[in-house]
Protein backbone atom coordinates (compact mmCIF):
# COMPACT_ATOMS: atom_id res chain seq x y z
CA MET A 1 64.51 -20.60 101.24
CA ILE A 2 67.34 -21.37 104.22
CA ARG A 3 68.25 -18.19 105.11
CA LYS A 4 64.22 -18.18 106.43
CA LEU A 5 64.16 -21.00 108.03
CA LEU A 6 67.28 -21.11 109.94
CA PRO A 7 66.48 -18.68 112.06
CA LEU A 8 62.88 -20.11 112.78
CA LEU A 9 65.43 -23.21 113.91
CA PHE A 10 68.11 -21.32 115.83
CA ALA A 11 65.59 -20.19 117.94
CA LEU A 12 64.27 -23.58 118.68
CA VAL A 13 67.40 -24.97 119.45
CA VAL A 14 68.75 -21.95 121.56
CA THR A 15 65.17 -21.62 124.44
CA PRO A 16 66.29 -20.47 127.09
CA VAL A 17 65.74 -22.28 130.40
CA LEU A 18 64.07 -20.95 133.74
CA ALA A 19 65.52 -21.00 136.73
CA ASP A 20 62.92 -22.04 139.15
CA GLY A 21 61.35 -25.01 136.71
CA LEU A 22 58.23 -27.30 137.27
CA LYS A 23 57.82 -30.14 140.35
CA VAL A 24 57.82 -32.98 138.64
CA VAL A 25 57.41 -36.89 139.80
CA THR A 26 60.47 -38.95 139.05
CA PRO A 27 61.15 -42.94 140.31
CA THR A 28 64.27 -43.13 142.73
CA ARG A 29 65.13 -46.84 141.17
CA ASP A 30 64.98 -48.23 137.72
CA ILE A 31 61.73 -49.57 137.68
CA ALA A 32 60.38 -52.85 135.00
CA ARG A 33 57.39 -52.34 133.07
CA GLY A 34 54.29 -54.25 134.66
CA GLU A 35 55.79 -53.03 137.92
CA VAL A 36 53.52 -51.61 140.59
CA ILE A 37 54.74 -48.55 141.20
CA GLY A 38 54.62 -47.30 145.34
CA ASP A 39 55.54 -44.82 147.60
CA ALA A 40 59.24 -45.77 148.02
CA ASP A 41 59.63 -45.65 144.14
CA LEU A 42 58.82 -42.05 143.90
CA THR A 43 60.75 -38.61 144.16
CA ILE A 44 59.70 -34.79 143.77
CA GLY A 45 62.03 -33.56 141.26
CA THR A 46 62.49 -29.96 139.04
CA ALA A 47 62.64 -30.01 135.47
CA ALA A 48 63.07 -27.26 132.72
CA THR A 49 59.67 -25.74 131.32
CA PRO A 50 60.76 -26.32 128.29
CA ALA A 51 62.34 -30.05 128.27
CA LEU A 52 59.00 -30.86 129.12
CA THR A 53 56.68 -32.80 126.81
CA GLY A 54 53.31 -34.09 126.60
CA THR A 55 51.09 -34.47 130.32
CA VAL A 56 53.83 -34.23 132.73
CA ILE A 57 52.91 -36.11 136.00
CA THR A 58 53.33 -32.94 139.07
CA SER A 59 51.84 -35.21 141.99
CA LEU A 60 52.72 -38.25 143.89
CA ASN A 61 49.11 -39.45 143.76
CA ALA A 62 48.56 -39.75 140.09
CA VAL A 63 51.51 -42.19 140.16
CA ARG A 64 50.69 -44.32 143.22
CA GLY A 65 49.49 -47.84 142.71
CA MET A 66 49.97 -47.65 138.83
CA GLU A 67 51.70 -50.06 136.54
CA ALA A 68 54.82 -49.08 134.20
CA ARG A 69 54.55 -49.40 130.80
CA ARG A 70 57.50 -49.40 130.25
CA PRO A 71 60.51 -49.28 131.64
CA LEU A 72 61.22 -46.38 133.52
CA ARG A 73 64.99 -45.53 134.73
CA ALA A 74 65.70 -43.55 137.99
CA GLY A 75 65.91 -39.68 137.32
CA GLU A 76 63.28 -39.76 134.33
CA ILE A 77 60.34 -37.81 134.03
CA ILE A 78 57.05 -39.58 134.19
CA SER A 79 54.24 -38.87 131.79
CA MET A 80 50.60 -40.01 132.05
CA SER A 81 51.12 -42.42 128.86
CA ASP A 82 53.93 -43.86 130.80
CA VAL A 83 51.35 -45.59 133.30
CA ARG A 84 48.55 -47.00 133.44
CA ARG A 85 46.33 -48.80 135.58
CA PRO A 86 47.12 -52.76 137.24
CA VAL A 87 45.84 -54.86 134.64
CA VAL A 88 43.25 -57.11 136.22
CA VAL A 89 41.75 -58.57 133.34
CA THR A 90 43.89 -59.51 130.17
CA LYS A 91 42.72 -60.54 126.49
CA GLY A 92 41.25 -63.68 126.15
CA GLN A 93 40.55 -63.96 129.63
CA THR A 94 36.87 -65.66 130.97
CA VAL A 95 34.82 -62.68 132.93
CA THR A 96 31.88 -62.84 135.05
CA MET A 97 29.44 -60.25 133.39
CA THR A 98 26.53 -58.46 135.44
CA PHE A 99 24.03 -56.48 134.28
CA ASP A 100 21.58 -54.54 136.39
CA ALA A 101 18.63 -53.01 136.18
CA PRO A 102 15.65 -52.22 138.05
CA GLY A 103 14.82 -54.90 139.41
CA VAL A 104 16.89 -57.18 137.76
CA SER A 105 20.38 -58.34 138.08
CA LEU A 106 21.20 -61.01 135.10
CA THR A 107 25.02 -62.95 135.38
CA ALA A 108 26.14 -64.37 132.76
CA MET A 109 29.74 -65.37 131.47
CA GLY A 110 31.94 -63.93 128.53
CA ARG A 111 35.09 -63.81 126.83
CA ALA A 112 37.64 -60.52 127.05
CA MET A 113 38.55 -58.56 124.04
CA THR A 114 40.63 -56.34 125.31
CA GLU A 115 42.97 -56.14 128.66
CA GLY A 116 42.15 -53.30 131.86
CA GLY A 117 42.63 -52.44 134.93
CA VAL A 118 39.91 -51.38 137.78
CA GLY A 119 37.88 -49.11 135.94
CA ASP A 120 38.55 -49.45 132.71
CA THR A 121 35.93 -49.76 129.53
CA VAL A 122 36.77 -53.06 127.76
CA VAL A 123 34.86 -55.10 124.92
CA VAL A 124 33.36 -58.60 126.23
CA GLN A 125 31.85 -61.03 123.81
CA ASN A 126 29.12 -63.43 124.68
CA PRO A 127 30.12 -66.69 123.84
CA ALA A 128 26.02 -68.02 123.23
CA SER A 129 25.27 -65.39 120.89
CA TYR A 130 29.11 -63.61 119.85
CA ARG A 131 27.73 -60.68 120.48
CA MET A 132 29.91 -58.07 121.31
CA VAL A 133 29.39 -56.01 124.97
CA ASN A 134 30.95 -52.93 126.70
CA ALA A 135 31.64 -53.35 130.21
CA VAL A 136 33.62 -51.25 133.06
CA ILE A 137 35.69 -53.86 135.37
CA THR A 138 35.11 -53.69 138.37
CA GLY A 139 37.33 -56.23 139.62
CA THR A 140 39.89 -59.38 138.74
CA GLY A 141 37.63 -61.32 136.56
CA THR A 142 34.69 -59.39 137.50
CA VAL A 143 33.37 -56.79 134.45
CA ARG A 144 29.48 -54.63 134.95
CA ALA A 145 27.84 -54.79 131.00
CA THR A 146 26.84 -50.85 129.53
CA GLY A 147 25.59 -51.75 126.46
CA PRO A 148 26.54 -52.99 122.82
CA ALA A 149 29.71 -52.54 121.88
CA GLY A 150 29.41 -51.23 118.66
CA PRO A 151 25.62 -50.39 115.87
CA LEU A 152 23.56 -53.43 116.48
CA ASN A 153 22.66 -55.20 113.21
CA GLN A 154 18.73 -54.82 112.86
CA THR A 155 17.89 -57.51 110.91
CA THR A 156 19.18 -59.93 114.80
CA ALA A 157 17.43 -57.44 116.60
CA ARG A 158 13.94 -57.93 115.11
CA ARG A 159 14.60 -61.93 115.60
């Protein structure tokens, strides 16, 4: 059994490195968790293709203005899971929720049950009815309701 696996393990360990590599985005300095990444913080480097895992960022535009999810070290390859949009709505925060339909615009206060950045979808609780609503973050402390967060309870819908 071990003799059959040995060539496979050897092939995984001794993978040839390509000379040209892939252009990747790396920080020019250490970046702390939660810090917003700017142009001066980034550079383009080259990485050997076999060393890459996940969704590696290859464009400066994809990282510019994003927030670090974890500490990033200078020269380290950045992947999409390492960054996110800056958080503008935090869990538990009171938010202004709007709902727009043709000819009608409603505004209500709600409590964010998850956090996110502009464009992210969060769950918001209506404090009057305790119903959960999906909403898209439009700015700091503001969301646009898109619909119920889960299956609608039929007994409460008839009331």
